[in-house]
Amino acid sequence: MPHSHLFLMTLYALLVSVFFTVLWKRDRRSQLKIFLQLFLGMMVGGILLAWLMFPFPSGPPAPFPS
């Protein structure tokens, strides 16, 4: 069952953020702060990188019509 890239990126960011939050911090306030920093950093960073790469096509150049 295919999923959208945005859904998979969100799921990945969520799982990685939860993992590192639990690994690094013990009290709730610190956990919430580091979780939001990690999650939003990955989401905004991923969308920003995709937006910057958008003008550059991934495939070979299109042939000119004759």
N, C-alpha and C. Protein backbone atom coordinates (compact mmCIF):
# COMPACT_ATOMS: atom_id res chain seq x y z
N MET A 1 0.85 -1.18 0.00
CA MET A 1 0.00 0.00 0.00
C MET A 1 0.89 1.24 0.00
N PRO A 2 0.88 2.03 -1.07
CA PRO A 2 1.75 3.21 -1.15
C PRO A 2 1.26 4.34 -0.25
N HIS A 3 2.22 5.06 0.30
CA HIS A 3 1.93 6.23 1.12
C HIS A 3 2.63 7.43 0.50
N SER A 4 2.17 8.61 0.86
CA SER A 4 2.78 9.82 0.31
C SER A 4 4.13 10.06 0.97
N HIS A 5 4.97 10.81 0.27
CA HIS A 5 6.29 11.14 0.80
C HIS A 5 6.17 11.97 2.07
N LEU A 6 5.21 12.86 2.11
CA LEU A 6 5.03 13.72 3.29
C LEU A 6 4.63 12.88 4.51
N PHE A 7 3.76 11.91 4.32
CA PHE A 7 3.38 11.03 5.43
C PHE A 7 4.57 10.24 5.94
N LEU A 8 5.35 9.68 5.04
CA LEU A 8 6.52 8.90 5.44
C LEU A 8 7.57 9.77 6.11
N MET A 9 7.76 10.99 5.63
CA MET A 9 8.71 11.90 6.26
C MET A 9 8.24 12.28 7.66
N THR A 10 6.94 12.52 7.83
CA THR A 10 6.38 12.85 9.13
C THR A 10 6.52 11.68 10.10
N LEU A 11 6.23 10.48 9.64
CA LEU A 11 6.37 9.29 10.47
C LEU A 11 7.83 9.09 10.90
N TYR A 12 8.74 9.23 9.98
CA TYR A 12 10.17 9.10 10.29
C TYR A 12 10.61 10.15 11.31
N ALA A 13 10.23 11.40 11.09
CA ALA A 13 10.60 12.48 12.01
C ALA A 13 10.01 12.22 13.39
N LEU A 14 8.78 11.75 13.44
CA LEU A 14 8.13 11.46 14.72
C LEU A 14 8.85 10.35 15.47
N LEU A 15 9.14 9.24 14.80
CA LEU A 15 9.79 8.11 15.46
C LEU A 15 11.21 8.45 15.91
N VAL A 16 11.97 9.11 15.08
CA VAL A 16 13.34 9.48 15.45
C VAL A 16 13.33 10.49 16.59
N SER A 17 12.43 11.44 16.55
CA SER A 17 12.34 12.45 17.61
C SER A 17 11.96 11.81 18.94
N VAL A 18 11.00 10.90 18.93
CA VAL A 18 10.62 10.22 20.17
C VAL A 18 11.78 9.40 20.70
N PHE A 19 12.47 8.67 19.85
CA PHE A 19 13.59 7.84 20.27
C PHE A 19 14.68 8.68 20.94
N PHE A 20 15.12 9.75 20.27
CA PHE A 20 16.20 10.55 20.85
C PHE A 20 15.74 11.36 22.05
N THR A 21 14.49 11.73 22.10
CA THR A 21 13.97 12.44 23.28
C THR A 21 14.03 11.54 24.51
N VAL A 22 13.58 10.30 24.37
CA VAL A 22 13.61 9.36 25.49
C VAL A 22 15.05 9.01 25.86
N LEU A 23 15.92 8.91 24.87
CA LEU A 23 17.31 8.54 25.11
C LEU A 23 18.09 9.65 25.83
N TRP A 24 17.83 10.92 25.48
CA TRP A 24 18.66 12.01 25.96
C TRP A 24 18.14 12.72 27.19
N LYS A 25 16.84 12.84 27.37
CA LYS A 25 16.29 13.67 28.44
C LYS A 25 15.42 12.86 29.39
N ARG A 26 15.37 13.30 30.66
CA ARG A 26 14.60 12.59 31.68
C ARG A 26 13.35 13.33 32.13
N ASP A 27 13.42 14.64 32.34
CA ASP A 27 12.23 15.35 32.83
C ASP A 27 11.34 15.80 31.66
N ARG A 28 10.06 15.93 31.94
CA ARG A 28 9.05 16.19 30.90
C ARG A 28 9.28 17.49 30.14
N ARG A 29 9.64 18.54 30.85
CA ARG A 29 9.83 19.84 30.19
C ARG A 29 10.98 19.79 29.18
N SER A 30 12.07 19.17 29.56
CA SER A 30 13.21 19.02 28.65
C SER A 30 12.86 18.11 27.49
N GLN A 31 12.10 17.06 27.78
CA GLN A 31 11.71 16.14 26.72
C GLN A 31 10.84 16.84 25.68
N LEU A 32 9.89 17.63 26.14
CA LEU A 32 9.01 18.33 25.21
C LEU A 32 9.81 19.32 24.36
N LYS A 33 10.73 20.03 24.99
CA LYS A 33 11.53 21.02 24.26
C LYS A 33 12.41 20.35 23.20
N ILE A 34 13.12 19.30 23.56
CA ILE A 34 14.01 18.64 22.60
C ILE A 34 13.20 17.92 21.52
N PHE A 35 12.02 17.36 21.89
CA PHE A 35 11.17 16.71 20.89
C PHE A 35 10.72 17.72 19.84
N LEU A 36 10.24 18.87 20.28
CA LEU A 36 9.78 19.88 19.32
C LEU A 36 10.92 20.39 18.45
N GLN A 37 12.10 20.57 19.04
CA GLN A 37 13.25 21.02 18.25
C GLN A 37 13.62 20.00 17.19
N LEU A 38 13.69 18.74 17.58
CA LEU A 38 14.05 17.68 16.62
C LEU A 38 12.99 17.50 15.55
N PHE A 39 11.72 17.38 15.97
CA PHE A 39 10.64 17.12 15.04
C PHE A 39 10.47 18.27 14.04
N LEU A 40 10.37 19.48 14.56
CA LEU A 40 10.19 20.62 13.67
C LEU A 40 11.42 20.88 12.81
N GLY A 41 12.59 20.63 13.37
CA GLY A 41 13.83 20.78 12.58
C GLY A 41 13.86 19.84 11.39
N MET A 42 13.47 18.59 11.62
CA MET A 42 13.47 17.62 10.51
C MET A 42 12.38 17.93 9.50
N MET A 43 11.19 18.31 9.98
CA MET A 43 10.09 18.59 9.05
C MET A 43 10.36 19.85 8.23
N VAL A 44 10.72 20.93 8.91
CA VAL A 44 10.99 22.19 8.19
C VAL A 44 12.22 22.04 7.31
N GLY A 45 13.25 21.37 7.82
CA GLY A 45 14.45 21.15 7.02
C GLY A 45 14.18 20.32 5.77
N GLY A 46 13.37 19.28 5.92
CA GLY A 46 13.05 18.43 4.76
C GLY A 46 12.23 19.17 3.71
N ILE A 47 11.25 19.93 4.17
CA ILE A 47 10.42 20.70 3.23
C ILE A 47 11.23 21.80 2.57
N LEU A 48 12.09 22.47 3.34
CA LEU A 48 12.94 23.51 2.78
C LEU A 48 13.91 22.94 1.74
N LEU A 49 14.51 21.81 2.05
CA LEU A 49 15.43 21.17 1.10
C LEU A 49 14.69 20.75 -0.17
N ALA A 50 13.49 20.19 -0.03
CA ALA A 50 12.70 19.80 -1.20
C ALA A 50 12.34 21.02 -2.04
N TRP A 51 12.00 22.12 -1.38
CA TRP A 51 11.66 23.34 -2.09
C TRP A 51 12.87 23.89 -2.85
N LEU A 52 14.05 23.81 -2.23
CA LEU A 52 15.26 24.29 -2.90
C LEU A 52 15.66 23.40 -4.08
N MET A 53 15.36 22.11 -4.00
CA MET A 53 15.72 21.18 -5.08
C MET A 53 14.68 21.14 -6.19
N PHE A 54 13.50 21.70 -5.97
CA PHE A 54 12.40 21.61 -6.93
C PHE A 54 12.76 22.09 -8.34
N PRO A 55 13.51 23.21 -8.51
CA PRO A 55 13.79 23.66 -9.88
C PRO A 55 14.72 22.75 -10.67
N PHE A 56 15.42 21.83 -9.99
CA PHE A 56 16.38 20.97 -10.67
C PHE A 56 15.75 19.61 -10.93
N PRO A 57 15.52 19.26 -12.20
CA PRO A 57 14.87 17.98 -12.50
C PRO A 57 15.78 16.80 -12.14
N SER A 58 15.18 15.68 -11.81
CA SER A 58 15.97 14.51 -11.42
C SER A 58 16.32 13.61 -12.59
N GLY A 59 15.64 13.74 -13.70
CA GLY A 59 15.87 12.88 -14.84
C GLY A 59 16.68 13.57 -15.91
N PRO A 60 16.85 12.90 -17.04
CA PRO A 60 17.59 13.52 -18.16
C PRO A 60 16.77 14.69 -18.73
N PRO A 61 17.45 15.62 -19.37
CA PRO A 61 16.73 16.75 -19.92
C PRO A 61 15.75 16.31 -21.01
N ALA A 62 14.65 17.01 -21.11
CA ALA A 62 13.64 16.70 -22.12
C ALA A 62 14.15 17.09 -23.50
N PRO A 63 13.87 16.28 -24.50
CA PRO A 63 14.31 16.62 -25.86
C PRO A 63 13.53 17.82 -26.40
N PHE A 64 14.20 18.59 -27.22
CA PHE A 64 13.53 19.74 -27.85
C PHE A 64 12.64 19.22 -28.97
N PRO A 65 11.43 19.78 -29.08
CA PRO A 65 10.55 19.35 -30.19
C PRO A 65 11.13 19.79 -31.54
N SER A 66 10.98 18.93 -32.55
CA SER A 66 11.52 19.28 -33.86
C SER A 66 10.50 19.92 -34.75
